[in-house]
Amino acid sequence: MSTALPTPEDNTPHRDTDNVSDTDFDRDRRSVVDREKAEFGGMKFGSAFFGWLTATGLTVLLLALVTAIGAGIAGSTDGGAADDAAQNPTTTGIVGIIVLLAILLLAYYCGGYVAGRMARFSGAKQGIAVWLWAIIITVILAIIGVIAGSQLDVLSQIGTIPTGTFDTGQITLTGVLSLVAVVIVTLGGAILGGLAGIRFHRKVDRVGLGR
């Protein structure tokens, strides 16, 4: 008569998964995500760079689209719209600033989303990193422009932080407030986009690690 020897699997304690509550699964999932975030969280300037490229490219495209629409309207009215705009510079300036802020909000939201989606963790930090890239590139280009003595508005041309709306030759209260609004809108849009970008990964974690 032969006797079966116990295998290592026989000595493994059995866990009754039917009795495991959703709270236990949620606790396990959170602990795994927390460990991953501790290891791979923080600002990822590589991901943020691609987010900045997205924000800059979308800014250029949207500005070109708005300019084309404005030119089309002016052409269809035989210059009437352009004359009205010239006669109401305050209203035209306000509308221009609002349109610019809307474009920047959308562009930097998309840029923050790209950075957050690539980095997976710390969405707000990825959005801030995208905004920091914009500031860094703007400063570098401004220094290059000063050294080269260029008369061109380089920053406005590439769409890093458009300056065409502001009178760079004379500092005014309106110009300062507009610049502050641009800074706040771009930073806020990038942070919101970064937070939205990491939500997809949290959904994946809930499915893969248990709801």
N, C-alpha and C. Protein backbone atom coordinates (compact mmCIF):
# COMPACT_ATOMS: atom_id res chain seq x y z
N MET A 1 0.85 -1.20 0.00
CA MET A 1 0.00 0.00 0.00
C MET A 1 0.88 1.24 0.00
N SER A 2 0.63 2.18 -0.93
CA SER A 2 1.45 3.39 -1.05
C SER A 2 0.78 4.54 -0.32
N THR A 3 1.60 5.36 0.23
CA THR A 3 1.11 6.54 0.95
C THR A 3 1.53 7.80 0.21
N ALA A 4 0.60 8.65 -0.13
CA ALA A 4 0.91 9.89 -0.85
C ALA A 4 1.58 10.88 0.08
N LEU A 5 2.72 11.41 -0.39
CA LEU A 5 3.45 12.39 0.41
C LEU A 5 2.82 13.77 0.23
N PRO A 6 2.76 14.54 1.28
CA PRO A 6 2.19 15.89 1.14
C PRO A 6 3.08 16.78 0.30
N THR A 7 2.50 17.53 -0.55
CA THR A 7 3.24 18.47 -1.40
C THR A 7 3.21 19.85 -0.76
N PRO A 8 4.13 20.74 -1.19
CA PRO A 8 4.13 22.10 -0.62
C PRO A 8 2.81 22.82 -0.81
N GLU A 9 2.12 22.48 -1.92
CA GLU A 9 0.85 23.15 -2.15
C GLU A 9 -0.17 22.79 -1.08
N ASP A 10 -0.04 21.53 -0.53
CA ASP A 10 -1.00 21.10 0.48
C ASP A 10 -0.85 21.89 1.76
N ASN A 11 0.37 22.40 2.02
CA ASN A 11 0.61 23.13 3.25
C ASN A 11 0.33 24.62 3.13
N THR A 12 0.02 25.06 1.90
CA THR A 12 -0.26 26.48 1.69
C THR A 12 -1.62 26.82 2.28
N PRO A 13 -1.68 27.79 3.16
CA PRO A 13 -2.97 28.14 3.76
C PRO A 13 -3.94 28.62 2.70
N HIS A 14 -5.14 28.13 2.78
CA HIS A 14 -6.16 28.48 1.79
C HIS A 14 -6.89 29.75 2.22
N ARG A 15 -7.04 30.64 1.27
CA ARG A 15 -7.76 31.88 1.53
C ARG A 15 -9.10 31.82 0.83
N ASP A 16 -10.12 31.87 1.61
CA ASP A 16 -11.47 31.81 1.07
C ASP A 16 -11.82 33.17 0.47
N THR A 17 -11.69 33.23 -0.85
CA THR A 17 -11.94 34.51 -1.52
C THR A 17 -13.40 34.91 -1.47
N ASP A 18 -14.29 33.93 -1.22
CA ASP A 18 -15.71 34.27 -1.14
C ASP A 18 -16.00 35.13 0.08
N ASN A 19 -15.14 34.96 1.13
CA ASN A 19 -15.37 35.69 2.37
C ASN A 19 -14.58 37.00 2.44
N VAL A 20 -13.81 37.29 1.38
CA VAL A 20 -13.03 38.52 1.37
C VAL A 20 -13.95 39.67 0.99
N SER A 21 -13.99 40.65 1.83
CA SER A 21 -14.91 41.76 1.59
C SER A 21 -14.34 42.73 0.57
N ASP A 22 -15.23 43.58 0.07
CA ASP A 22 -14.79 44.62 -0.86
C ASP A 22 -13.83 45.58 -0.18
N THR A 23 -14.00 45.74 1.13
CA THR A 23 -13.11 46.64 1.87
C THR A 23 -11.68 46.13 1.85
N ASP A 24 -11.52 44.78 1.98
CA ASP A 24 -10.17 44.20 1.94
C ASP A 24 -9.54 44.41 0.57
N PHE A 25 -10.33 44.18 -0.49
CA PHE A 25 -9.80 44.40 -1.83
C PHE A 25 -9.39 45.85 -2.02
N ASP A 26 -10.23 46.77 -1.53
CA ASP A 26 -9.94 48.19 -1.68
C ASP A 26 -8.68 48.56 -0.91
N ARG A 27 -8.53 47.96 0.28
CA ARG A 27 -7.34 48.25 1.08
C ARG A 27 -6.09 47.74 0.38
N ASP A 28 -6.15 46.53 -0.19
CA ASP A 28 -5.01 45.98 -0.92
C ASP A 28 -4.68 46.84 -2.14
N ARG A 29 -5.70 47.26 -2.86
CA ARG A 29 -5.48 48.07 -4.05
C ARG A 29 -4.81 49.39 -3.68
N ARG A 30 -5.29 50.01 -2.64
CA ARG A 30 -4.73 51.30 -2.23
C ARG A 30 -3.28 51.15 -1.77
N SER A 31 -2.99 50.07 -1.08
CA SER A 31 -1.61 49.88 -0.61
C SER A 31 -0.66 49.67 -1.79
N VAL A 32 -1.12 48.93 -2.81
CA VAL A 32 -0.28 48.72 -3.99
C VAL A 32 -0.06 50.03 -4.73
N VAL A 33 -1.13 50.79 -4.92
CA VAL A 33 -1.01 52.07 -5.63
C VAL A 33 -0.13 53.03 -4.85
N ASP A 34 -0.25 53.02 -3.52
CA ASP A 34 0.58 53.91 -2.70
C ASP A 34 2.05 53.55 -2.82
N ARG A 35 2.36 52.25 -2.85
CA ARG A 35 3.76 51.84 -3.01
C ARG A 35 4.29 52.24 -4.38
N GLU A 36 3.47 52.06 -5.41
CA GLU A 36 3.89 52.46 -6.76
C GLU A 36 4.10 53.97 -6.85
N LYS A 37 3.21 54.72 -6.21
CA LYS A 37 3.33 56.17 -6.26
C LYS A 37 4.57 56.64 -5.52
N ALA A 38 4.87 55.98 -4.38
CA ALA A 38 6.07 56.36 -3.64
C ALA A 38 7.34 56.11 -4.45
N GLU A 39 7.31 55.09 -5.31
CA GLU A 39 8.49 54.74 -6.11
C GLU A 39 8.56 55.55 -7.40
N PHE A 40 7.41 55.75 -8.05
CA PHE A 40 7.42 56.35 -9.38
C PHE A 40 6.71 57.70 -9.45
N GLY A 41 6.28 58.25 -8.31
CA GLY A 41 5.60 59.54 -8.31
C GLY A 41 6.56 60.70 -8.46
N GLY A 42 6.04 61.90 -8.31
CA GLY A 42 6.86 63.09 -8.44
C GLY A 42 6.82 63.66 -9.85
N MET A 43 7.43 64.83 -10.01
CA MET A 43 7.46 65.47 -11.32
C MET A 43 8.29 64.66 -12.31
N LYS A 44 7.75 64.48 -13.50
CA LYS A 44 8.46 63.82 -14.59
C LYS A 44 8.64 64.84 -15.72
N PHE A 45 9.82 65.45 -15.75
CA PHE A 45 10.03 66.54 -16.70
C PHE A 45 10.09 66.03 -18.14
N GLY A 46 10.41 64.74 -18.32
CA GLY A 46 10.36 64.19 -19.68
C GLY A 46 8.94 64.16 -20.21
N SER A 47 8.01 63.65 -19.39
CA SER A 47 6.60 63.63 -19.79
C SER A 47 6.06 65.05 -19.93
N ALA A 48 6.49 65.93 -19.02
CA ALA A 48 6.02 67.31 -19.06
C ALA A 48 6.49 68.02 -20.32
N PHE A 49 7.66 67.65 -20.83
CA PHE A 49 8.16 68.28 -22.05
C PHE A 49 7.22 67.99 -23.22
N PHE A 50 6.77 66.74 -23.31
CA PHE A 50 5.82 66.40 -24.38
C PHE A 50 4.47 67.08 -24.15
N GLY A 51 4.11 67.25 -22.89
CA GLY A 51 2.90 68.01 -22.60
C GLY A 51 3.03 69.46 -23.04
N TRP A 52 4.22 70.04 -22.81
CA TRP A 52 4.45 71.42 -23.26
C TRP A 52 4.40 71.51 -24.78
N LEU A 53 4.98 70.53 -25.47
CA LEU A 53 4.91 70.52 -26.93
C LEU A 53 3.46 70.48 -27.40
N THR A 54 2.65 69.67 -26.73
CA THR A 54 1.23 69.60 -27.08
C THR A 54 0.55 70.94 -26.87
N ALA A 55 0.80 71.56 -25.71
CA ALA A 55 0.19 72.86 -25.41
C ALA A 55 0.62 73.92 -26.41
N THR A 56 1.90 73.94 -26.74
CA THR A 56 2.41 74.94 -27.68
C THR A 56 1.84 74.74 -29.08
N GLY A 57 1.85 73.50 -29.54
CA GLY A 57 1.33 73.21 -30.87
C GLY A 57 -0.15 73.55 -30.98
N LEU A 58 -0.93 73.19 -29.95
CA LEU A 58 -2.36 73.48 -29.99
C LEU A 58 -2.62 74.98 -29.92
N THR A 59 -1.79 75.70 -29.15
CA THR A 59 -1.93 77.15 -29.08
C THR A 59 -1.72 77.78 -30.46
N VAL A 60 -0.68 77.35 -31.15
CA VAL A 60 -0.39 77.88 -32.49
C VAL A 60 -1.54 77.58 -33.44
N LEU A 61 -2.04 76.35 -33.41
CA LEU A 61 -3.12 75.96 -34.32
C LEU A 61 -4.40 76.75 -34.05
N LEU A 62 -4.75 76.89 -32.77
CA LEU A 62 -5.98 77.60 -32.44
C LEU A 62 -5.87 79.09 -32.75
N LEU A 63 -4.70 79.68 -32.48
CA LEU A 63 -4.51 81.09 -32.82
C LEU A 63 -4.61 81.31 -34.33
N ALA A 64 -4.04 80.39 -35.09
CA ALA A 64 -4.13 80.49 -36.55
C ALA A 64 -5.57 80.35 -37.01
N LEU A 65 -6.32 79.44 -36.37
CA LEU A 65 -7.73 79.25 -36.74
C LEU A 65 -8.55 80.49 -36.44
N VAL A 66 -8.34 81.06 -35.25
CA VAL A 66 -9.08 82.27 -34.88
C VAL A 66 -8.73 83.43 -35.80
N THR A 67 -7.45 83.55 -36.14
CA THR A 67 -7.02 84.61 -37.06
C THR A 67 -7.67 84.45 -38.43
N ALA A 68 -7.72 83.20 -38.91
CA ALA A 68 -8.35 82.95 -40.20
C ALA A 68 -9.84 83.27 -40.17
N ILE A 69 -10.49 82.92 -39.07
CA ILE A 69 -11.92 83.23 -38.95
C ILE A 69 -12.14 84.74 -38.93
N GLY A 70 -11.29 85.44 -38.18
CA GLY A 70 -11.40 86.90 -38.13
C GLY A 70 -11.18 87.53 -39.49
N ALA A 71 -10.19 87.04 -40.23
CA ALA A 71 -9.93 87.57 -41.57
C ALA A 71 -11.10 87.28 -42.51
N GLY A 72 -11.69 86.10 -42.35
CA GLY A 72 -12.84 85.76 -43.19
C GLY A 72 -14.03 86.66 -42.91
N ILE A 73 -14.27 86.94 -41.62
CA ILE A 73 -15.39 87.83 -41.27
C ILE A 73 -15.14 89.24 -41.80
N ALA A 74 -13.91 89.71 -41.64
CA ALA A 74 -13.58 91.06 -42.13
C ALA A 74 -13.73 91.14 -43.64
N GLY A 75 -13.34 90.09 -44.34
CA GLY A 75 -13.46 90.10 -45.80
C GLY A 75 -14.89 90.02 -46.28
N SER A 76 -15.72 89.27 -45.55
CA SER A 76 -17.11 89.11 -45.97
C SER A 76 -17.94 90.36 -45.74
N THR A 77 -17.48 91.24 -44.86
CA THR A 77 -18.23 92.47 -44.57
C THR A 77 -17.62 93.69 -45.26
N ASP A 78 -16.72 93.45 -46.21
CA ASP A 78 -16.08 94.54 -46.96
C ASP A 78 -15.38 95.55 -46.04
N GLY A 79 -14.77 95.03 -44.99
CA GLY A 79 -14.03 95.90 -44.08
C GLY A 79 -14.87 96.54 -43.01
N GLY A 80 -16.17 96.29 -43.01
CA GLY A 80 -17.04 96.89 -42.00
C GLY A 80 -16.70 96.42 -40.59
N ALA A 81 -16.44 95.11 -40.45
CA ALA A 81 -16.11 94.58 -39.13
C ALA A 81 -14.80 95.15 -38.62
N ALA A 82 -13.84 95.32 -39.52
CA ALA A 82 -12.55 95.89 -39.13
C ALA A 82 -12.72 97.34 -38.68
N ASP A 83 -13.57 98.09 -39.36
CA ASP A 83 -13.83 99.48 -38.98
C ASP A 83 -14.50 99.56 -37.61
N ASP A 84 -15.46 98.66 -37.37
CA ASP A 84 -16.13 98.64 -36.07
C ASP A 84 -15.14 98.31 -34.96
N ALA A 85 -14.24 97.37 -35.23
CA ALA A 85 -13.24 97.01 -34.23
C ALA A 85 -12.30 98.17 -33.94
N ALA A 86 -11.94 98.92 -34.99
CA ALA A 86 -11.05 100.06 -34.81
C ALA A 86 -11.73 101.19 -34.03
N GLN A 87 -13.04 101.31 -34.18
CA GLN A 87 -13.78 102.36 -33.48
C GLN A 87 -14.07 101.99 -32.03
N ASN A 88 -13.96 100.71 -31.69
CA ASN A 88 -14.21 100.26 -30.31
C ASN A 88 -13.01 99.46 -29.81
N PRO A 89 -11.88 100.12 -29.59
CA PRO A 89 -10.66 99.40 -29.20
C PRO A 89 -10.78 98.70 -27.86
N THR A 90 -11.53 99.31 -26.93
CA THR A 90 -11.67 98.68 -25.60
C THR A 90 -12.40 97.36 -25.70
N THR A 91 -13.53 97.38 -26.39
CA THR A 91 -14.31 96.14 -26.57
C THR A 91 -13.51 95.10 -27.34
N THR A 92 -12.82 95.55 -28.38
CA THR A 92 -12.00 94.63 -29.17
C THR A 92 -10.90 94.01 -28.32
N GLY A 93 -10.28 94.83 -27.47
CA GLY A 93 -9.22 94.31 -26.61
C GLY A 93 -9.74 93.29 -25.61
N ILE A 94 -10.90 93.57 -25.02
CA ILE A 94 -11.48 92.64 -24.05
C ILE A 94 -11.83 91.31 -24.71
N VAL A 95 -12.45 91.40 -25.89
CA VAL A 95 -12.80 90.17 -26.62
C VAL A 95 -11.54 89.39 -26.98
N GLY A 96 -10.51 90.11 -27.42
CA GLY A 96 -9.25 89.44 -27.77
C GLY A 96 -8.63 88.73 -26.59
N ILE A 97 -8.65 89.38 -25.42
CA ILE A 97 -8.07 88.76 -24.22
C ILE A 97 -8.87 87.53 -23.82
N ILE A 98 -10.21 87.63 -23.89
CA ILE A 98 -11.05 86.48 -23.52
C ILE A 98 -10.79 85.30 -24.44
N VAL A 99 -10.71 85.57 -25.74
CA VAL A 99 -10.44 84.50 -26.71
C VAL A 99 -9.06 83.89 -26.45
N LEU A 100 -8.07 84.74 -26.19
CA LEU A 100 -6.73 84.24 -25.92
C LEU A 100 -6.70 83.37 -24.68
N LEU A 101 -7.38 83.80 -23.61
CA LEU A 101 -7.40 83.02 -22.37
C LEU A 101 -8.10 81.67 -22.59
N ALA A 102 -9.18 81.68 -23.38
CA ALA A 102 -9.88 80.42 -23.67
C ALA A 102 -8.97 79.46 -24.44
N ILE A 103 -8.23 79.99 -25.41
CA ILE A 103 -7.30 79.16 -26.18
C ILE A 103 -6.21 78.58 -25.28
N LEU A 104 -5.64 79.43 -24.43
CA LEU A 104 -4.57 78.97 -23.55
C LEU A 104 -5.08 77.95 -22.53
N LEU A 105 -6.30 78.17 -22.03
CA LEU A 105 -6.87 77.21 -21.07
C LEU A 105 -7.02 75.84 -21.71
N LEU A 106 -7.57 75.79 -22.92
CA LEU A 106 -7.76 74.52 -23.61
C LEU A 106 -6.42 73.89 -23.96
N ALA A 107 -5.48 74.70 -24.46
CA ALA A 107 -4.19 74.16 -24.89
C ALA A 107 -3.41 73.59 -23.72
N TYR A 108 -3.36 74.31 -22.61
CA TYR A 108 -2.59 73.82 -21.47
C TYR A 108 -3.31 72.72 -20.71
N TYR A 109 -4.63 72.68 -20.81
CA TYR A 109 -5.35 71.53 -20.26
C TYR A 109 -4.94 70.27 -21.02
N CYS A 110 -4.90 70.36 -22.34
CA CYS A 110 -4.49 69.21 -23.15
C CYS A 110 -3.03 68.85 -22.87
N GLY A 111 -2.18 69.86 -22.72
CA GLY A 111 -0.78 69.59 -22.40
C GLY A 111 -0.62 68.90 -21.06
N GLY A 112 -1.34 69.37 -20.05
CA GLY A 112 -1.30 68.72 -18.75
C GLY A 112 -1.85 67.31 -18.79
N TYR A 113 -2.90 67.11 -19.62
CA TYR A 113 -3.48 65.77 -19.76
C TYR A 113 -2.46 64.79 -20.33
N VAL A 114 -1.74 65.23 -21.37
CA VAL A 114 -0.72 64.37 -21.98
C VAL A 114 0.36 64.01 -20.96
N ALA A 115 0.82 64.99 -20.21
CA ALA A 115 1.87 64.74 -19.21
C ALA A 115 1.37 63.81 -18.12
N GLY A 116 0.15 64.04 -17.62
CA GLY A 116 -0.41 63.18 -16.58
C GLY A 116 -0.66 61.77 -17.06
N ARG A 117 -1.12 61.63 -18.29
CA ARG A 117 -1.38 60.30 -18.85
C ARG A 117 -0.07 59.52 -19.02
N MET A 118 1.00 60.21 -19.41
CA MET A 118 2.29 59.55 -19.60
C MET A 118 2.94 59.20 -18.26
N ALA A 119 2.80 60.09 -17.28
CA ALA A 119 3.51 59.89 -16.01
C ALA A 119 2.77 58.96 -15.06
N ARG A 120 1.46 58.87 -15.16
CA ARG A 120 0.60 57.97 -14.39
C ARG A 120 0.30 58.48 -12.98
N PHE A 121 1.26 59.07 -12.30
CA PHE A 121 1.05 59.52 -10.93
C PHE A 121 1.28 61.03 -10.83
N SER A 122 0.82 61.60 -9.71
CA SER A 122 1.08 63.02 -9.38
C SER A 122 0.64 63.94 -10.51
N GLY A 123 -0.65 63.90 -10.83
CA GLY A 123 -1.15 64.68 -11.95
C GLY A 123 -0.95 66.17 -11.79
N ALA A 124 -1.18 66.70 -10.58
CA ALA A 124 -1.01 68.14 -10.37
C ALA A 124 0.44 68.55 -10.60
N LYS A 125 1.37 67.72 -10.13
CA LYS A 125 2.79 68.04 -10.31
C LYS A 125 3.18 67.99 -11.79
N GLN A 126 2.58 67.08 -12.54
CA GLN A 126 2.89 67.03 -13.98
C GLN A 126 2.39 68.29 -14.67
N GLY A 127 1.21 68.78 -14.25
CA GLY A 127 0.70 70.02 -14.81
C GLY A 127 1.61 71.20 -14.50
N ILE A 128 2.10 71.27 -13.27
CA ILE A 128 3.03 72.34 -12.89
C ILE A 128 4.30 72.23 -13.71
N ALA A 129 4.77 71.01 -13.95
CA ALA A 129 5.99 70.82 -14.74
C ALA A 129 5.81 71.31 -16.17
N VAL A 130 4.62 71.06 -16.74
CA VAL A 130 4.33 71.57 -18.09
C VAL A 130 4.42 73.10 -18.10
N TRP A 131 3.83 73.71 -17.10
CA TRP A 131 3.85 75.18 -16.99
C TRP A 131 5.28 75.69 -16.80
N LEU A 132 6.08 74.98 -16.00
CA LEU A 132 7.47 75.38 -15.80
C LEU A 132 8.26 75.31 -17.10
N TRP A 133 7.99 74.28 -17.92
CA TRP A 133 8.65 74.20 -19.22
C TRP A 133 8.33 75.45 -20.06
N ALA A 134 7.07 75.89 -20.02
CA ALA A 134 6.69 77.09 -20.78
C ALA A 134 7.46 78.31 -20.29
N ILE A 135 7.59 78.44 -18.98
CA ILE A 135 8.33 79.58 -18.42
C ILE A 135 9.80 79.49 -18.80
N ILE A 136 10.38 78.31 -18.67
CA ILE A 136 11.81 78.14 -18.98
C ILE A 136 12.09 78.47 -20.45
N ILE A 137 11.28 77.92 -21.35
CA ILE A 137 11.49 78.18 -22.78
C ILE A 137 11.28 79.66 -23.09
N THR A 138 10.29 80.27 -22.44
CA THR A 138 10.03 81.69 -22.67
C THR A 138 11.23 82.54 -22.25
N VAL A 139 11.80 82.24 -21.08
CA VAL A 139 12.96 82.99 -20.60
C VAL A 139 14.15 82.79 -21.53
N ILE A 140 14.38 81.55 -21.95
CA ILE A 140 15.51 81.27 -22.84
C ILE A 140 15.37 82.04 -24.15
N LEU A 141 14.17 82.01 -24.74
CA LEU A 141 13.96 82.71 -26.00
C LEU A 141 14.07 84.23 -25.83
N ALA A 142 13.62 84.73 -24.67
CA ALA A 142 13.74 86.16 -24.42
C ALA A 142 15.21 86.57 -24.33
N ILE A 143 16.02 85.75 -23.66
CA ILE A 143 17.45 86.04 -23.55
C ILE A 143 18.10 86.00 -24.93
N ILE A 144 17.74 84.98 -25.72
CA ILE A 144 18.30 84.88 -27.07
C ILE A 144 17.90 86.10 -27.90
N GLY A 145 16.65 86.54 -27.75
CA GLY A 145 16.19 87.71 -28.49
C GLY A 145 16.95 88.97 -28.10
N VAL A 146 17.23 89.12 -26.80
CA VAL A 146 17.98 90.30 -26.34
C VAL A 146 19.41 90.26 -26.86
N ILE A 147 20.04 89.08 -26.79
CA ILE A 147 21.42 88.96 -27.24
C ILE A 147 21.52 89.18 -28.74
N ALA A 148 20.58 88.59 -29.49
CA ALA A 148 20.62 88.71 -30.94
C ALA A 148 20.12 90.06 -31.43
N GLY A 149 19.47 90.81 -30.55
CA GLY A 149 18.94 92.10 -30.95
C GLY A 149 17.83 91.99 -31.96
N SER A 150 17.07 90.88 -31.90
CA SER A 150 16.01 90.65 -32.89
C SER A 150 14.85 91.60 -32.64
N GLN A 151 14.27 92.09 -33.73
CA GLN A 151 13.10 92.95 -33.65
C GLN A 151 11.81 92.14 -33.76
N LEU A 152 11.96 90.82 -33.88
CA LEU A 152 10.78 89.97 -34.07
C LEU A 152 10.23 89.55 -32.72
N ASP A 153 8.93 89.37 -32.67
CA ASP A 153 8.29 88.86 -31.46
C ASP A 153 8.36 87.34 -31.50
N VAL A 154 9.49 86.80 -31.08
CA VAL A 154 9.72 85.36 -31.18
C VAL A 154 8.73 84.59 -30.35
N LEU A 155 8.47 85.06 -29.13
CA LEU A 155 7.57 84.33 -28.23
C LEU A 155 6.17 84.24 -28.82
N SER A 156 5.70 85.32 -29.40
CA SER A 156 4.36 85.31 -29.97
C SER A 156 4.29 84.41 -31.19
N GLN A 157 5.37 84.36 -31.96
CA GLN A 157 5.36 83.57 -33.19
C GLN A 157 5.26 82.08 -32.91
N ILE A 158 5.97 81.60 -31.88
CA ILE A 158 5.93 80.16 -31.62
C ILE A 158 4.79 79.79 -30.69
N GLY A 159 4.13 80.78 -30.08
CA GLY A 159 2.97 80.50 -29.25
C GLY A 159 3.30 79.98 -27.88
N THR A 160 4.53 80.17 -27.38
CA THR A 160 4.87 79.70 -26.04
C THR A 160 3.99 80.38 -25.01
N ILE A 161 4.11 81.69 -24.92
CA ILE A 161 3.16 82.51 -24.18
C ILE A 161 2.89 83.72 -25.06
N PRO A 162 1.79 83.76 -25.79
CA PRO A 162 1.54 84.82 -26.76
C PRO A 162 1.62 86.19 -26.11
N THR A 163 2.36 87.10 -26.73
CA THR A 163 2.52 88.45 -26.20
C THR A 163 1.93 89.50 -27.13
N GLY A 164 1.35 89.08 -28.24
CA GLY A 164 0.83 90.04 -29.20
C GLY A 164 -0.31 90.87 -28.66
N THR A 165 -1.04 90.35 -27.63
CA THR A 165 -2.15 91.08 -27.07
C THR A 165 -1.68 92.21 -26.16
N PHE A 166 -0.43 92.13 -25.70
CA PHE A 166 0.07 93.07 -24.73
C PHE A 166 1.02 94.07 -25.38
N ASP A 167 1.04 95.28 -24.87
CA ASP A 167 1.94 96.31 -25.35
C ASP A 167 3.27 96.15 -24.62
N THR A 168 4.20 95.48 -25.26
CA THR A 168 5.48 95.21 -24.62
C THR A 168 6.35 96.46 -24.53
N GLY A 169 6.01 97.50 -25.29
CA GLY A 169 6.81 98.71 -25.24
C GLY A 169 6.42 99.64 -24.10
N GLN A 170 5.25 99.45 -23.55
CA GLN A 170 4.78 100.31 -22.47
C GLN A 170 3.98 99.47 -21.49
N ILE A 171 4.41 99.46 -20.24
CA ILE A 171 3.76 98.67 -19.22
C ILE A 171 2.55 99.44 -18.70
N THR A 172 1.38 98.84 -18.79
CA THR A 172 0.15 99.45 -18.30
C THR A 172 -0.51 98.50 -17.32
N LEU A 173 -1.46 99.05 -16.55
CA LEU A 173 -2.17 98.22 -15.58
C LEU A 173 -2.94 97.12 -16.28
N THR A 174 -3.58 97.46 -17.39
CA THR A 174 -4.32 96.45 -18.15
C THR A 174 -3.39 95.35 -18.65
N GLY A 175 -2.23 95.75 -19.14
CA GLY A 175 -1.27 94.75 -19.62
C GLY A 175 -0.79 93.84 -18.51
N VAL A 176 -0.53 94.42 -17.33
CA VAL A 176 -0.06 93.61 -16.20
C VAL A 176 -1.15 92.64 -15.76
N LEU A 177 -2.39 93.13 -15.65
CA LEU A 177 -3.50 92.26 -15.26
C LEU A 177 -3.73 91.16 -16.28
N SER A 178 -3.59 91.50 -17.55
CA SER A 178 -3.75 90.49 -18.60
C SER A 178 -2.67 89.42 -18.50
N LEU A 179 -1.44 89.86 -18.24
CA LEU A 179 -0.35 88.90 -18.11
C LEU A 179 -0.55 87.99 -16.90
N VAL A 180 -1.02 88.57 -15.79
CA VAL A 180 -1.32 87.76 -14.60
C VAL A 180 -2.42 86.74 -14.91
N ALA A 181 -3.44 87.18 -15.66
CA ALA A 181 -4.52 86.27 -16.04
C ALA A 181 -3.99 85.13 -16.90
N VAL A 182 -3.08 85.43 -17.82
CA VAL A 182 -2.49 84.39 -18.67
C VAL A 182 -1.73 83.38 -17.82
N VAL A 183 -0.96 83.87 -16.86
CA VAL A 183 -0.18 82.98 -16.00
C VAL A 183 -1.11 82.07 -15.19
N ILE A 184 -2.17 82.65 -14.62
CA ILE A 184 -3.09 81.86 -13.80
C ILE A 184 -3.84 80.84 -14.65
N VAL A 185 -4.30 81.26 -15.81
CA VAL A 185 -5.08 80.36 -16.68
C VAL A 185 -4.22 79.21 -17.18
N THR A 186 -3.00 79.49 -17.61
CA THR A 186 -2.14 78.41 -18.11
C THR A 186 -1.78 77.44 -17.00
N LEU A 187 -1.45 77.97 -15.82
CA LEU A 187 -1.11 77.09 -14.70
C LEU A 187 -2.31 76.26 -14.27
N GLY A 188 -3.47 76.91 -14.12
CA GLY A 188 -4.67 76.18 -13.72
C GLY A 188 -5.09 75.14 -14.74
N GLY A 189 -5.03 75.50 -16.02
CA GLY A 189 -5.40 74.54 -17.06
C GLY A 189 -4.47 73.34 -17.08
N ALA A 190 -3.17 73.58 -16.92
CA ALA A 190 -2.22 72.48 -16.92
C ALA A 190 -2.43 71.55 -15.73
N ILE A 191 -2.71 72.12 -14.56
CA ILE A 191 -2.94 71.29 -13.37
C ILE A 191 -4.21 70.46 -13.53
N LEU A 192 -5.29 71.08 -13.99
CA LEU A 192 -6.54 70.34 -14.21
C LEU A 192 -6.34 69.23 -15.24
N GLY A 193 -5.60 69.52 -16.30
CA GLY A 193 -5.33 68.50 -17.30
C GLY A 193 -4.50 67.35 -16.74
N GLY A 194 -3.51 67.68 -15.91
CA GLY A 194 -2.71 66.63 -15.30
C GLY A 194 -3.53 65.72 -14.41
N LEU A 195 -4.43 66.31 -13.63
CA LEU A 195 -5.30 65.50 -12.77
C LEU A 195 -6.23 64.62 -13.60
N ALA A 196 -6.73 65.15 -14.70
CA ALA A 196 -7.60 64.36 -15.58
C ALA A 196 -6.82 63.24 -16.25
N GLY A 197 -5.55 63.48 -16.56
CA GLY A 197 -4.75 62.48 -17.26
C GLY A 197 -4.48 61.23 -16.45
N ILE A 198 -4.39 61.36 -15.12
CA ILE A 198 -4.08 60.18 -14.31
C ILE A 198 -5.33 59.39 -13.94
N ARG A 199 -6.50 59.90 -14.22
CA ARG A 199 -7.73 59.19 -13.86
C ARG A 199 -7.85 57.87 -14.61
N PHE A 200 -7.37 57.83 -15.85
CA PHE A 200 -7.44 56.58 -16.62
C PHE A 200 -6.67 55.48 -15.91
N HIS A 201 -5.51 55.81 -15.36
CA HIS A 201 -4.69 54.81 -14.69
C HIS A 201 -5.35 54.33 -13.39
N ARG A 202 -6.07 55.21 -12.72
CA ARG A 202 -6.78 54.77 -11.51
C ARG A 202 -7.90 53.80 -11.87
N LYS A 203 -8.54 54.00 -13.04
CA LYS A 203 -9.55 53.05 -13.49
C LYS A 203 -8.92 51.69 -13.77
N VAL A 204 -7.76 51.70 -14.41
CA VAL A 204 -7.06 50.45 -14.70
C VAL A 204 -6.69 49.75 -13.40
N ASP A 205 -6.23 50.49 -12.41
CA ASP A 205 -5.86 49.90 -11.12
C ASP A 205 -7.06 49.27 -10.44
N ARG A 206 -8.21 49.92 -10.52
CA ARG A 206 -9.40 49.36 -9.88
C ARG A 206 -9.82 48.05 -10.53
N VAL A 207 -9.67 47.95 -11.84
CA VAL A 207 -10.03 46.72 -12.54
C VAL A 207 -9.00 45.63 -12.28
N GLY A 208 -7.73 45.97 -12.36
CA GLY A 208 -6.68 44.96 -12.23
C GLY A 208 -6.43 44.50 -10.81
N LEU A 209 -6.65 45.39 -9.83
CA LEU A 209 -6.33 45.06 -8.44
C LEU A 209 -7.57 44.83 -7.59
N GLY A 210 -8.71 44.87 -8.20
CA GLY A 210 -9.93 44.62 -7.45
C GLY A 210 -10.64 45.92 -7.13
N ARG A 211 -11.94 45.87 -7.22
CA ARG A 211 -12.74 47.08 -6.95
C ARG A 211 -12.87 47.27 -5.44
